[in-house]
PDB file of all heavy atoms in Angstrom:
ATOM      1  N   ARG A   1      -8.116   7.755   6.162  1.00  0.00           N
ATOM      2  CA  ARG A   1      -7.605   7.033   7.322  1.00  0.00           C
ATOM      3  C   ARG A   1      -6.426   7.776   7.940  1.00  0.00           C
ATOM      4  O   ARG A   1      -6.331   7.912   9.154  1.00  0.00           O
ATOM      5  CB  ARG A   1      -7.176   5.620   6.919  1.00  0.00           C
ATOM      6  CG  ARG A   1      -6.768   4.757   8.088  1.00  0.00           C
ATOM      7  CD  ARG A   1      -6.316   3.362   7.690  1.00  0.00           C
ATOM      8  NE  ARG A   1      -7.236   2.687   6.812  1.00  0.00           N
ATOM      9  CZ  ARG A   1      -6.920   2.227   5.596  1.00  0.00           C
ATOM     10  NH1 ARG A   1      -5.699   2.378   5.116  1.00  0.00           N
ATOM     11  NH2 ARG A   1      -7.808   1.602   4.863  1.00  0.00           N
ATOM     12  N   GLU A   2      -5.518   8.272   7.077  1.00  0.00           N
ATOM     13  CA  GLU A   2      -4.369   9.021   7.589  1.00  0.00           C
ATOM     14  C   GLU A   2      -4.814  10.300   8.295  1.00  0.00           C
ATOM     15  O   GLU A   2      -4.258  10.678   9.320  1.00  0.00           O
ATOM     16  CB  GLU A   2      -3.418   9.366   6.443  1.00  0.00           C
ATOM     17  CG  GLU A   2      -2.633   8.184   5.941  1.00  0.00           C
ATOM     18  CD  GLU A   2      -1.757   8.538   4.761  1.00  0.00           C
ATOM     19  OE1 GLU A   2      -1.578   9.745   4.474  1.00  0.00           O
ATOM     20  OE2 GLU A   2      -1.239   7.615   4.129  1.00  0.00           O
ATOM     21  N   LYS A   3      -5.818  10.959   7.724  1.00  0.00           N
ATOM     22  CA  LYS A   3      -6.329  12.189   8.332  1.00  0.00           C
ATOM     23  C   LYS A   3      -6.941  11.889   9.701  1.00  0.00           C
ATOM     24  O   LYS A   3      -6.707  12.598  10.676  1.00  0.00           O
ATOM     25  CB  LYS A   3      -7.375  12.818   7.417  1.00  0.00           C
ATOM     26  CG  LYS A   3      -7.802  14.205   7.835  1.00  0.00           C
ATOM     27  CD  LYS A   3      -8.643  14.852   6.767  1.00  0.00           C
ATOM     28  CE  LYS A   3     -10.104  14.666   7.102  1.00  0.00           C
ATOM     29  NZ  LYS A   3     -11.013  15.372   6.202  1.00  0.00           N
ATOM     30  N   ASN A   4      -7.711  10.803   9.780  1.00  0.00           N
ATOM     31  CA  ASN A   4      -8.341  10.423  11.047  1.00  0.00           C
ATOM     32  C   ASN A   4      -7.309   9.958  12.063  1.00  0.00           C
ATOM     33  O   ASN A   4      -7.427  10.248  13.245  1.00  0.00           O
ATOM     34  CB  ASN A   4      -9.382   9.329  10.826  1.00  0.00           C
ATOM     35  CG  ASN A   4     -10.591   9.841  10.077  1.00  0.00           C
ATOM     36  OD1 ASN A   4     -10.857  11.033  10.045  1.00  0.00           O
ATOM     37  ND2 ASN A   4     -11.310   8.926   9.452  1.00  0.00           N
ATOM     38  N   GLU A   5      -6.288   9.230  11.595  1.00  0.00           N
ATOM     39  CA  GLU A   5      -5.251   8.772  12.511  1.00  0.00           C
ATOM     40  C   GLU A   5      -4.400   9.940  12.991  1.00  0.00           C
ATOM     41  O   GLU A   5      -3.892   9.927  14.094  1.00  0.00           O
ATOM     42  CB  GLU A   5      -4.372   7.715  11.841  1.00  0.00           C
ATOM     43  CG  GLU A   5      -5.063   6.388  11.695  1.00  0.00           C
ATOM     44  CD  GLU A   5      -4.210   5.364  10.970  1.00  0.00           C
ATOM     45  OE1 GLU A   5      -3.078   5.702  10.544  1.00  0.00           O
ATOM     46  OE2 GLU A   5      -4.673   4.238  10.816  1.00  0.00           O
ATOM     47  N   GLY A   6      -4.267  10.970  12.129  1.00  0.00           N
ATOM     48  CA  GLY A   6      -3.521  12.161  12.523  1.00  0.00           C
ATOM     49  C   GLY A   6      -4.190  12.855  13.697  1.00  0.00           C
ATOM     50  O   GLY A   6      -3.537  13.355  14.598  1.00  0.00           O
ATOM     51  N   ALA A   7      -5.515  12.879  13.688  1.00  0.00           N
ATOM     52  CA  ALA A   7      -6.257  13.483  14.789  1.00  0.00           C
ATOM     53  C   ALA A   7      -6.144  12.639  16.050  1.00  0.00           C
ATOM     54  O   ALA A   7      -6.108  13.165  17.159  1.00  0.00           O
ATOM     55  CB  ALA A   7      -7.719  13.652  14.401  1.00  0.00           C
ATOM     56  N   ASP A   8      -6.069  11.316  15.873  1.00  0.00           N
ATOM     57  CA  ASP A   8      -5.963  10.418  17.018  1.00  0.00           C
ATOM     58  C   ASP A   8      -4.529  10.259  17.503  1.00  0.00           C
ATOM     59  O   ASP A   8      -4.301   9.712  18.585  1.00  0.00           O
ATOM     60  CB  ASP A   8      -6.514   9.033  16.666  1.00  0.00           C
ATOM     61  CG  ASP A   8      -8.002   9.068  16.399  1.00  0.00           C
ATOM     62  OD1 ASP A   8      -8.656  10.033  16.861  1.00  0.00           O
ATOM     63  OD2 ASP A   8      -8.515   8.153  15.719  1.00  0.00           O
ATOM     64  N   ALA A   9      -3.551  10.704  16.730  1.00  0.00           N
ATOM     65  CA  ALA A   9      -2.145  10.500  17.094  1.00  0.00           C
ATOM     66  C   ALA A   9      -1.796  11.208  18.397  1.00  0.00           C
ATOM     67  O   ALA A   9      -0.909  10.766  19.128  1.00  0.00           O
ATOM     68  CB  ALA A   9      -1.233  10.987  15.975  1.00  0.00           C
ATOM     69  N   LEU A  10      -2.470  12.290  18.678  1.00  0.00           N
ATOM     70  CA  LEU A  10      -2.197  12.995  19.926  1.00  0.00           C
ATOM     71  C   LEU A  10      -2.647  12.197  21.129  1.00  0.00           C
ATOM     72  O   LEU A  10      -2.089  12.337  22.216  1.00  0.00           O
ATOM     73  CB  LEU A  10      -2.894  14.359  19.908  1.00  0.00           C
ATOM     74  CG  LEU A  10      -2.478  15.318  18.788  1.00  0.00           C
ATOM     75  CD1 LEU A  10      -3.372  16.563  18.824  1.00  0.00           C
ATOM     76  CD2 LEU A  10      -1.017  15.690  18.933  1.00  0.00           C
ATOM     77  N   GLU A  11      -3.638  11.328  20.927  1.00  0.00           N
ATOM     78  CA  GLU A  11      -4.203  10.579  22.039  1.00  0.00           C
ATOM     79  C   GLU A  11      -3.499   9.254  22.298  1.00  0.00           C
ATOM     80  O   GLU A  11      -3.501   8.751  23.405  1.00  0.00           O
ATOM     81  CB  GLU A  11      -5.683  10.307  21.776  1.00  0.00           C
ATOM     82  CG  GLU A  11      -6.501  11.572  21.656  1.00  0.00           C
ATOM     83  CD  GLU A  11      -7.936  11.280  21.242  1.00  0.00           C
ATOM     84  OE1 GLU A  11      -8.325  10.101  21.256  1.00  0.00           O
ATOM     85  OE2 GLU A  11      -8.649  12.221  20.902  1.00  0.00           O
ATOM     86  N   CYS A  12      -2.932   8.648  21.234  1.00  0.00           N
ATOM     87  CA  CYS A  12      -2.316   7.335  21.434  1.00  0.00           C
ATOM     88  C   CYS A  12      -0.986   7.250  20.701  1.00  0.00           C
ATOM     89  O   CYS A  12      -0.692   8.014  19.799  1.00  0.00           O
ATOM     90  CB  CYS A  12      -3.253   6.223  20.975  1.00  0.00           C
ATOM     91  SG  CYS A  12      -3.558   6.255  19.208  1.00  0.00           S
ATOM     92  N   GLU A  13      -0.200   6.263  21.074  1.00  0.00           N
ATOM     93  CA  GLU A  13       1.108   6.056  20.489  1.00  0.00           C
ATOM     94  C   GLU A  13       0.986   5.111  19.299  1.00  0.00           C
ATOM     95  O   GLU A  13       0.213   4.151  19.323  1.00  0.00           O
ATOM     96  CB  GLU A  13       2.025   5.445  21.551  1.00  0.00           C
ATOM     97  CG  GLU A  13       3.468   5.349  21.129  1.00  0.00           C
ATOM     98  CD  GLU A  13       4.330   4.868  22.283  1.00  0.00           C
ATOM     99  OE1 GLU A  13       4.098   5.297  23.416  1.00  0.00           O
ATOM    100  OE2 GLU A  13       5.219   4.054  22.014  1.00  0.00           O
ATOM    101  N   VAL A  14       1.763   5.345  18.248  1.00  0.00           N
ATOM    102  CA  VAL A  14       1.725   4.496  17.060  1.00  0.00           C
ATOM    103  C   VAL A  14       2.336   3.153  17.400  1.00  0.00           C
ATOM    104  O   VAL A  14       3.431   3.069  17.941  1.00  0.00           O
ATOM    105  CB  VAL A  14       2.491   5.160  15.893  1.00  0.00           C
ATOM    106  CG1 VAL A  14       2.513   4.252  14.686  1.00  0.00           C
ATOM    107  CG2 VAL A  14       1.861   6.501  15.557  1.00  0.00           C
ATOM    108  N   GLY A  15       1.619   2.066  17.023  1.00  0.00           N
ATOM    109  CA  GLY A  15       2.087   0.729  17.324  1.00  0.00           C
ATOM    110  C   GLY A  15       2.220  -0.115  16.073  1.00  0.00           C
ATOM    111  O   GLY A  15       2.088   0.366  14.951  1.00  0.00           O
ATOM    112  N   VAL A  16       2.458  -1.381  16.264  1.00  0.00           N
ATOM    113  CA  VAL A  16       2.651  -2.314  15.159  1.00  0.00           C
ATOM    114  C   VAL A  16       1.383  -2.458  14.329  1.00  0.00           C
ATOM    115  O   VAL A  16       1.430  -2.597  13.119  1.00  0.00           O
ATOM    116  CB  VAL A  16       3.093  -3.690  15.707  1.00  0.00           C
ATOM    117  CG1 VAL A  16       3.236  -4.690  14.584  1.00  0.00           C
ATOM    118  CG2 VAL A  16       4.392  -3.554  16.472  1.00  0.00           C
ATOM    119  N   ALA A  17       0.235  -2.418  14.918  1.00  0.00           N
ATOM    120  CA  ALA A  17      -1.030  -2.643  14.225  1.00  0.00           C
ATOM    121  C   ALA A  17      -1.374  -1.531  13.242  1.00  0.00           C
ATOM    122  O   ALA A  17      -2.225  -1.698  12.395  1.00  0.00           O
ATOM    123  CB  ALA A  17      -2.158  -2.795  15.238  1.00  0.00           C
ATOM    124  N   THR A  18      -0.696  -0.390  13.315  1.00  0.00           N
ATOM    125  CA  THR A  18      -1.012   0.729  12.428  1.00  0.00           C
ATOM    126  C   THR A  18      -0.202   0.706  11.142  1.00  0.00           C
ATOM    127  O   THR A  18      -0.207   1.666  10.392  1.00  0.00           O
ATOM    128  CB  THR A  18      -0.797   2.067  13.150  1.00  0.00           C
ATOM    129  OG1 THR A  18       0.569   2.148  13.534  1.00  0.00           O
ATOM    130  CG2 THR A  18      -1.718   2.202  14.330  1.00  0.00           C
ATOM    131  N   SER A  19       0.506  -0.373  10.834  1.00  0.00           N
ATOM    132  CA  SER A  19       1.319  -0.441   9.630  1.00  0.00           C
ATOM    133  C   SER A  19       0.497  -0.734   8.381  1.00  0.00           C
ATOM    134  O   SER A  19       1.042  -0.861   7.308  1.00  0.00           O
ATOM    135  CB  SER A  19       2.398  -1.512   9.785  1.00  0.00           C
ATOM    136  OG  SER A  19       1.789  -2.778   9.894  1.00  0.00           O
ATOM    137  N   LYS A  20      -0.816  -0.826   8.515  1.00  0.00           N
ATOM    138  CA  LYS A  20      -1.684  -1.128   7.387  1.00  0.00           C
ATOM    139  C   LYS A  20      -1.540  -0.108   6.265  1.00  0.00           C
ATOM    140  O   LYS A  20      -1.599  -0.447   5.091  1.00  0.00           O
ATOM    141  CB  LYS A  20      -3.137  -1.205   7.847  1.00  0.00           C
ATOM    142  CG  LYS A  20      -4.101  -1.642   6.788  1.00  0.00           C
ATOM    143  CD  LYS A  20      -5.496  -1.799   7.360  1.00  0.00           C
ATOM    144  CE  LYS A  20      -6.450  -2.305   6.310  1.00  0.00           C
ATOM    145  NZ  LYS A  20      -7.795  -2.465   6.837  1.00  0.00           N
ATOM    146  N   LYS A  21      -1.338   1.149   6.596  1.00  0.00           N
ATOM    147  CA  LYS A  21      -1.232   2.182   5.572  1.00  0.00           C
ATOM    148  C   LYS A  21       0.050   2.047   4.761  1.00  0.00           C
ATOM    149  O   LYS A  21       0.148   2.601   3.680  1.00  0.00           O
ATOM    150  CB  LYS A  21      -1.334   3.565   6.196  1.00  0.00           C
ATOM    151  CG  LYS A  21      -0.203   3.930   7.125  1.00  0.00           C
ATOM    152  CD  LYS A  21      -0.428   5.296   7.709  1.00  0.00           C
ATOM    153  CE  LYS A  21       0.642   5.597   8.749  1.00  0.00           C
ATOM    154  NZ  LYS A  21       0.401   6.832   9.419  1.00  0.00           N
ATOM    155  N   ASN A  22       1.018   1.305   5.248  1.00  0.00           N
ATOM    156  CA  ASN A  22       2.274   1.117   4.529  1.00  0.00           C
ATOM    157  C   ASN A  22       2.190   0.007   3.480  1.00  0.00           C
ATOM    158  O   ASN A  22       3.053  -0.079   2.628  1.00  0.00           O
ATOM    159  CB  ASN A  22       3.411   0.809   5.508  1.00  0.00           C
ATOM    160  CG  ASN A  22       3.663   1.973   6.439  1.00  0.00           C
ATOM    161  OD1 ASN A  22       3.424   3.119   6.086  1.00  0.00           O
ATOM    162  ND2 ASN A  22       4.134   1.677   7.635  1.00  0.00           N
ATOM    163  N   ARG A  23       1.184  -0.832   3.572  1.00  0.00           N
ATOM    164  CA  ARG A  23       1.038  -1.938   2.618  1.00  0.00           C
ATOM    165  C   ARG A  23       0.208  -1.486   1.424  1.00  0.00           C
ATOM    166  O   ARG A  23      -0.852  -0.898   1.595  1.00  0.00           O
ATOM    167  CB  ARG A  23       0.352  -3.134   3.278  1.00  0.00           C
ATOM    168  CG  ARG A  23       1.219  -3.812   4.312  1.00  0.00           C
ATOM    169  CD  ARG A  23       0.505  -4.987   4.886  1.00  0.00           C
ATOM    170  NE  ARG A  23      -0.445  -4.468   5.887  1.00  0.00           N
ATOM    171  CZ  ARG A  23      -1.502  -5.119   6.345  1.00  0.00           C
ATOM    172  NH1 ARG A  23      -1.775  -6.302   5.894  1.00  0.00           N
ATOM    173  NH2 ARG A  23      -2.288  -4.580   7.244  1.00  0.00           N
ATOM    174  N   PRO A  24       0.670  -1.775   0.197  1.00  0.00           N
ATOM    175  CA  PRO A  24      -0.131  -1.407  -0.980  1.00  0.00           C
ATOM    176  C   PRO A  24      -1.346  -2.331  -1.112  1.00  0.00           C
ATOM    177  O   PRO A  24      -1.270  -3.516  -0.803  1.00  0.00           O
ATOM    178  CB  PRO A  24       0.831  -1.605  -2.142  1.00  0.00           C
ATOM    179  CG  PRO A  24       1.824  -2.609  -1.657  1.00  0.00           C
ATOM    180  CD  PRO A  24       1.941  -2.396  -0.164  1.00  0.00           C
ATOM    181  N   THR A  25      -2.442  -1.776  -1.570  1.00  0.00           N
ATOM    182  CA  THR A  25      -3.649  -2.556  -1.800  1.00  0.00           C
ATOM    183  C   THR A  25      -3.678  -2.947  -3.265  1.00  0.00           C
ATOM    184  O   THR A  25      -3.395  -2.130  -4.135  1.00  0.00           O
ATOM    185  CB  THR A  25      -4.901  -1.732  -1.460  1.00  0.00           C
ATOM    186  OG1 THR A  25      -4.766  -1.264  -0.115  1.00  0.00           O
ATOM    187  CG2 THR A  25      -6.151  -2.560  -1.577  1.00  0.00           C
ATOM    188  N   SER A  26      -4.007  -4.197  -3.541  1.00  0.00           N
ATOM    189  CA  SER A  26      -4.050  -4.654  -4.929  1.00  0.00           C
ATOM    190  C   SER A  26      -5.163  -5.678  -5.096  1.00  0.00           C
ATOM    191  O   SER A  26      -5.737  -6.158  -4.120  1.00  0.00           O
ATOM    192  CB  SER A  26      -2.707  -5.262  -5.326  1.00  0.00           C
ATOM    193  OG  SER A  26      -2.444  -6.407  -4.543  1.00  0.00           O
ATOM    194  N   ALA A  27      -5.459  -5.984  -6.351  1.00  0.00           N
ATOM    195  CA  ALA A  27      -6.465  -6.991  -6.678  1.00  0.00           C
ATOM    196  C   ALA A  27      -5.895  -7.897  -7.768  1.00  0.00           C
ATOM    197  O   ALA A  27      -5.269  -7.403  -8.720  1.00  0.00           O
ATOM    198  CB  ALA A  27      -7.746  -6.332  -7.161  1.00  0.00           C
TER     199      ALA A  27
END
């Protein structure tokens, strides 16, 4: 996801909705 977002970062500005990668995933 980070790799794909890195490619898209040139096209769009980082917003609030992209904070998903900062949250840890757990079960």
